[in-house]
Amino acid sequence: MTGAATATDCNWEVNGNIGCAVTSNAANSFGPSFNGVGGGWYAIERASDFISVWFWERGSSAVPGS
């Protein structure tokens, strides 16, 4: 993970369904700065035991091929 966890106890029954929030290190991942770079791409992988999310700015050379 390249982000920073904002909670370490992800038990929804105890913590009111806050989940395991992570702040992104990508400064342009939302809001006006996201719009300013022309947007980007989010990819989500959902499995029975995890969810993964990736973000790439538009024009990033790290975007995987389709």
N, C-alpha and C. Protein backbone atom coordinates (compact mmCIF):
# COMPACT_ATOMS: atom_id res chain seq x y z
N MET A 1 0.84 -1.17 0.00
CA MET A 1 0.00 0.00 0.00
C MET A 1 0.89 1.24 0.00
N THR A 2 0.52 2.21 -0.81
CA THR A 2 1.30 3.45 -0.85
C THR A 2 0.62 4.60 -0.13
N GLY A 3 -0.64 4.41 0.30
CA GLY A 3 -1.35 5.44 1.05
C GLY A 3 -1.09 5.30 2.54
N ALA A 4 -1.83 6.07 3.32
CA ALA A 4 -1.69 6.03 4.77
C ALA A 4 -3.03 5.62 5.39
N ALA A 5 -3.00 4.57 6.21
CA ALA A 5 -4.22 4.10 6.87
C ALA A 5 -4.71 5.14 7.87
N THR A 6 -6.02 5.42 7.85
CA THR A 6 -6.59 6.36 8.82
C THR A 6 -7.23 5.64 9.99
N ALA A 7 -7.35 4.33 9.90
CA ALA A 7 -7.88 3.50 10.99
C ALA A 7 -7.25 2.13 10.88
N THR A 8 -6.99 1.51 12.00
CA THR A 8 -6.39 0.18 11.98
C THR A 8 -7.35 -0.90 12.44
N ASP A 9 -8.47 -0.52 13.06
CA ASP A 9 -9.47 -1.49 13.47
C ASP A 9 -10.66 -1.35 12.52
N CYS A 10 -10.78 -2.25 11.57
CA CYS A 10 -11.77 -2.13 10.50
C CYS A 10 -13.06 -2.89 10.81
N ASN A 11 -13.27 -3.27 12.04
CA ASN A 11 -14.46 -4.02 12.42
C ASN A 11 -15.68 -3.11 12.38
N TRP A 12 -16.53 -3.30 11.39
CA TRP A 12 -17.69 -2.42 11.22
C TRP A 12 -18.67 -2.50 12.37
N GLU A 13 -18.73 -3.64 13.05
CA GLU A 13 -19.66 -3.77 14.18
C GLU A 13 -19.22 -2.92 15.36
N VAL A 14 -17.92 -2.71 15.49
CA VAL A 14 -17.39 -1.93 16.61
C VAL A 14 -17.31 -0.45 16.26
N ASN A 15 -16.90 -0.14 15.04
CA ASN A 15 -16.59 1.24 14.67
C ASN A 15 -17.63 1.91 13.78
N GLY A 16 -18.83 1.39 13.72
CA GLY A 16 -19.89 2.05 12.98
C GLY A 16 -19.71 2.08 11.48
N ASN A 17 -19.12 1.03 10.92
CA ASN A 17 -18.99 0.87 9.47
C ASN A 17 -18.09 1.90 8.82
N ILE A 18 -17.01 2.33 9.52
CA ILE A 18 -16.08 3.27 8.89
C ILE A 18 -15.14 2.58 7.92
N GLY A 19 -15.01 1.27 8.05
CA GLY A 19 -14.12 0.54 7.15
C GLY A 19 -12.67 0.83 7.43
N CYS A 20 -11.82 0.44 6.49
CA CYS A 20 -10.38 0.67 6.60
C CYS A 20 -10.00 1.78 5.64
N ALA A 21 -10.26 3.00 6.03
CA ALA A 21 -9.99 4.15 5.16
C ALA A 21 -8.50 4.34 4.97
N VAL A 22 -8.13 4.77 3.76
CA VAL A 22 -6.75 5.04 3.41
C VAL A 22 -6.71 6.38 2.68
N THR A 23 -5.81 7.26 3.09
CA THR A 23 -5.63 8.50 2.35
C THR A 23 -4.61 8.26 1.26
N SER A 24 -4.86 8.87 0.11
CA SER A 24 -4.00 8.68 -1.06
C SER A 24 -2.81 9.62 -1.02
N ASN A 25 -1.68 9.14 -1.51
CA ASN A 25 -0.50 9.98 -1.68
C ASN A 25 -0.58 10.77 -2.98
N ALA A 26 -1.56 10.45 -3.83
CA ALA A 26 -1.71 11.14 -5.11
C ALA A 26 -2.44 12.46 -4.88
N ALA A 27 -1.75 13.56 -5.03
CA ALA A 27 -2.34 14.87 -4.76
C ALA A 27 -3.46 15.22 -5.73
N ASN A 28 -3.47 14.62 -6.90
CA ASN A 28 -4.46 14.96 -7.92
C ASN A 28 -5.54 13.90 -8.08
N SER A 29 -5.91 13.23 -6.99
CA SER A 29 -6.85 12.12 -7.08
C SER A 29 -8.32 12.52 -6.94
N PHE A 30 -8.61 13.80 -6.67
CA PHE A 30 -10.00 14.25 -6.54
C PHE A 30 -10.04 15.77 -6.59
N GLY A 31 -11.24 16.31 -6.73
CA GLY A 31 -11.48 17.74 -6.63
C GLY A 31 -10.88 18.58 -7.73
N PRO A 32 -10.66 19.87 -7.46
CA PRO A 32 -10.14 20.78 -8.47
C PRO A 32 -8.78 20.37 -9.05
N SER A 33 -7.90 19.80 -8.22
CA SER A 33 -6.60 19.38 -8.76
C SER A 33 -6.75 18.18 -9.70
N PHE A 34 -7.73 17.29 -9.44
CA PHE A 34 -8.04 16.18 -10.33
C PHE A 34 -8.51 16.73 -11.68
N ASN A 35 -9.41 17.70 -11.63
CA ASN A 35 -9.89 18.33 -12.86
C ASN A 35 -8.76 19.06 -13.58
N GLY A 36 -7.88 19.68 -12.82
CA GLY A 36 -6.79 20.46 -13.39
C GLY A 36 -5.79 19.63 -14.20
N VAL A 37 -5.64 18.36 -13.88
CA VAL A 37 -4.73 17.50 -14.65
C VAL A 37 -5.48 16.72 -15.71
N GLY A 38 -6.76 17.03 -15.92
CA GLY A 38 -7.53 16.36 -16.95
C GLY A 38 -8.15 15.06 -16.52
N GLY A 39 -8.24 14.82 -15.21
CA GLY A 39 -8.85 13.59 -14.71
C GLY A 39 -7.85 12.48 -14.54
N GLY A 40 -8.36 11.26 -14.57
CA GLY A 40 -7.50 10.10 -14.38
C GLY A 40 -8.34 8.84 -14.40
N TRP A 41 -7.75 7.77 -13.93
CA TRP A 41 -8.43 6.47 -13.92
C TRP A 41 -8.36 5.85 -12.55
N TYR A 42 -9.49 5.25 -12.15
CA TYR A 42 -9.55 4.41 -10.96
C TYR A 42 -9.85 3.00 -11.42
N ALA A 43 -9.22 2.04 -10.80
CA ALA A 43 -9.54 0.63 -11.05
C ALA A 43 -9.80 -0.01 -9.69
N ILE A 44 -10.82 -0.85 -9.65
CA ILE A 44 -11.20 -1.52 -8.41
C ILE A 44 -11.24 -3.02 -8.65
N GLU A 45 -10.63 -3.76 -7.74
CA GLU A 45 -10.71 -5.22 -7.76
C GLU A 45 -11.45 -5.63 -6.49
N ARG A 46 -12.54 -6.34 -6.66
CA ARG A 46 -13.33 -6.79 -5.52
C ARG A 46 -13.34 -8.30 -5.48
N ALA A 47 -12.94 -8.86 -4.36
CA ALA A 47 -12.95 -10.31 -4.16
C ALA A 47 -13.73 -10.60 -2.87
N SER A 48 -13.91 -11.85 -2.57
CA SER A 48 -14.69 -12.19 -1.37
C SER A 48 -13.98 -11.79 -0.08
N ASP A 49 -12.66 -11.61 -0.12
CA ASP A 49 -11.94 -11.30 1.11
C ASP A 49 -11.13 -10.00 1.06
N PHE A 50 -11.23 -9.22 -0.02
CA PHE A 50 -10.54 -7.94 -0.07
C PHE A 50 -11.09 -7.06 -1.19
N ILE A 51 -10.78 -5.78 -1.10
CA ILE A 51 -11.04 -4.82 -2.16
C ILE A 51 -9.76 -4.03 -2.36
N SER A 52 -9.32 -3.89 -3.60
CA SER A 52 -8.14 -3.09 -3.92
C SER A 52 -8.56 -1.97 -4.86
N VAL A 53 -7.96 -0.79 -4.67
CA VAL A 53 -8.26 0.36 -5.52
C VAL A 53 -6.93 0.96 -5.98
N TRP A 54 -6.85 1.28 -7.28
CA TRP A 54 -5.67 1.93 -7.85
C TRP A 54 -6.11 3.22 -8.51
N PHE A 55 -5.20 4.20 -8.56
CA PHE A 55 -5.47 5.46 -9.23
C PHE A 55 -4.26 5.87 -10.05
N TRP A 56 -4.54 6.37 -11.26
CA TRP A 56 -3.49 6.93 -12.13
C TRP A 56 -3.98 8.25 -12.67
N GLU A 57 -3.11 9.26 -12.67
CA GLU A 57 -3.44 10.53 -13.31
C GLU A 57 -3.46 10.33 -14.82
N ARG A 58 -4.27 11.14 -15.50
CA ARG A 58 -4.29 11.12 -16.95
C ARG A 58 -2.87 11.41 -17.45
N GLY A 59 -2.43 10.65 -18.42
CA GLY A 59 -1.09 10.83 -18.98
C GLY A 59 0.00 10.09 -18.23
N SER A 60 -0.34 9.39 -17.15
CA SER A 60 0.67 8.64 -16.40
C SER A 60 1.22 7.50 -17.25
N SER A 61 2.52 7.33 -17.21
CA SER A 61 3.15 6.22 -17.94
C SER A 61 2.98 4.90 -17.21
N ALA A 62 2.45 4.92 -15.99
CA ALA A 62 2.28 3.71 -15.20
C ALA A 62 0.94 3.02 -15.40
N VAL A 63 0.04 3.59 -16.24
CA VAL A 63 -1.26 2.97 -16.47
C VAL A 63 -1.07 1.66 -17.19
N PRO A 64 -1.59 0.55 -16.65
CA PRO A 64 -1.43 -0.75 -17.31
C PRO A 64 -2.17 -0.79 -18.66
N GLY A 65 -1.69 -1.60 -19.56
CA GLY A 65 -2.36 -1.77 -20.86
C GLY A 65 -3.66 -2.54 -20.70
N SER A 66 -4.52 -2.38 -21.67
CA SER A 66 -5.80 -3.08 -21.58
C SER A 66 -5.74 -4.41 -22.28
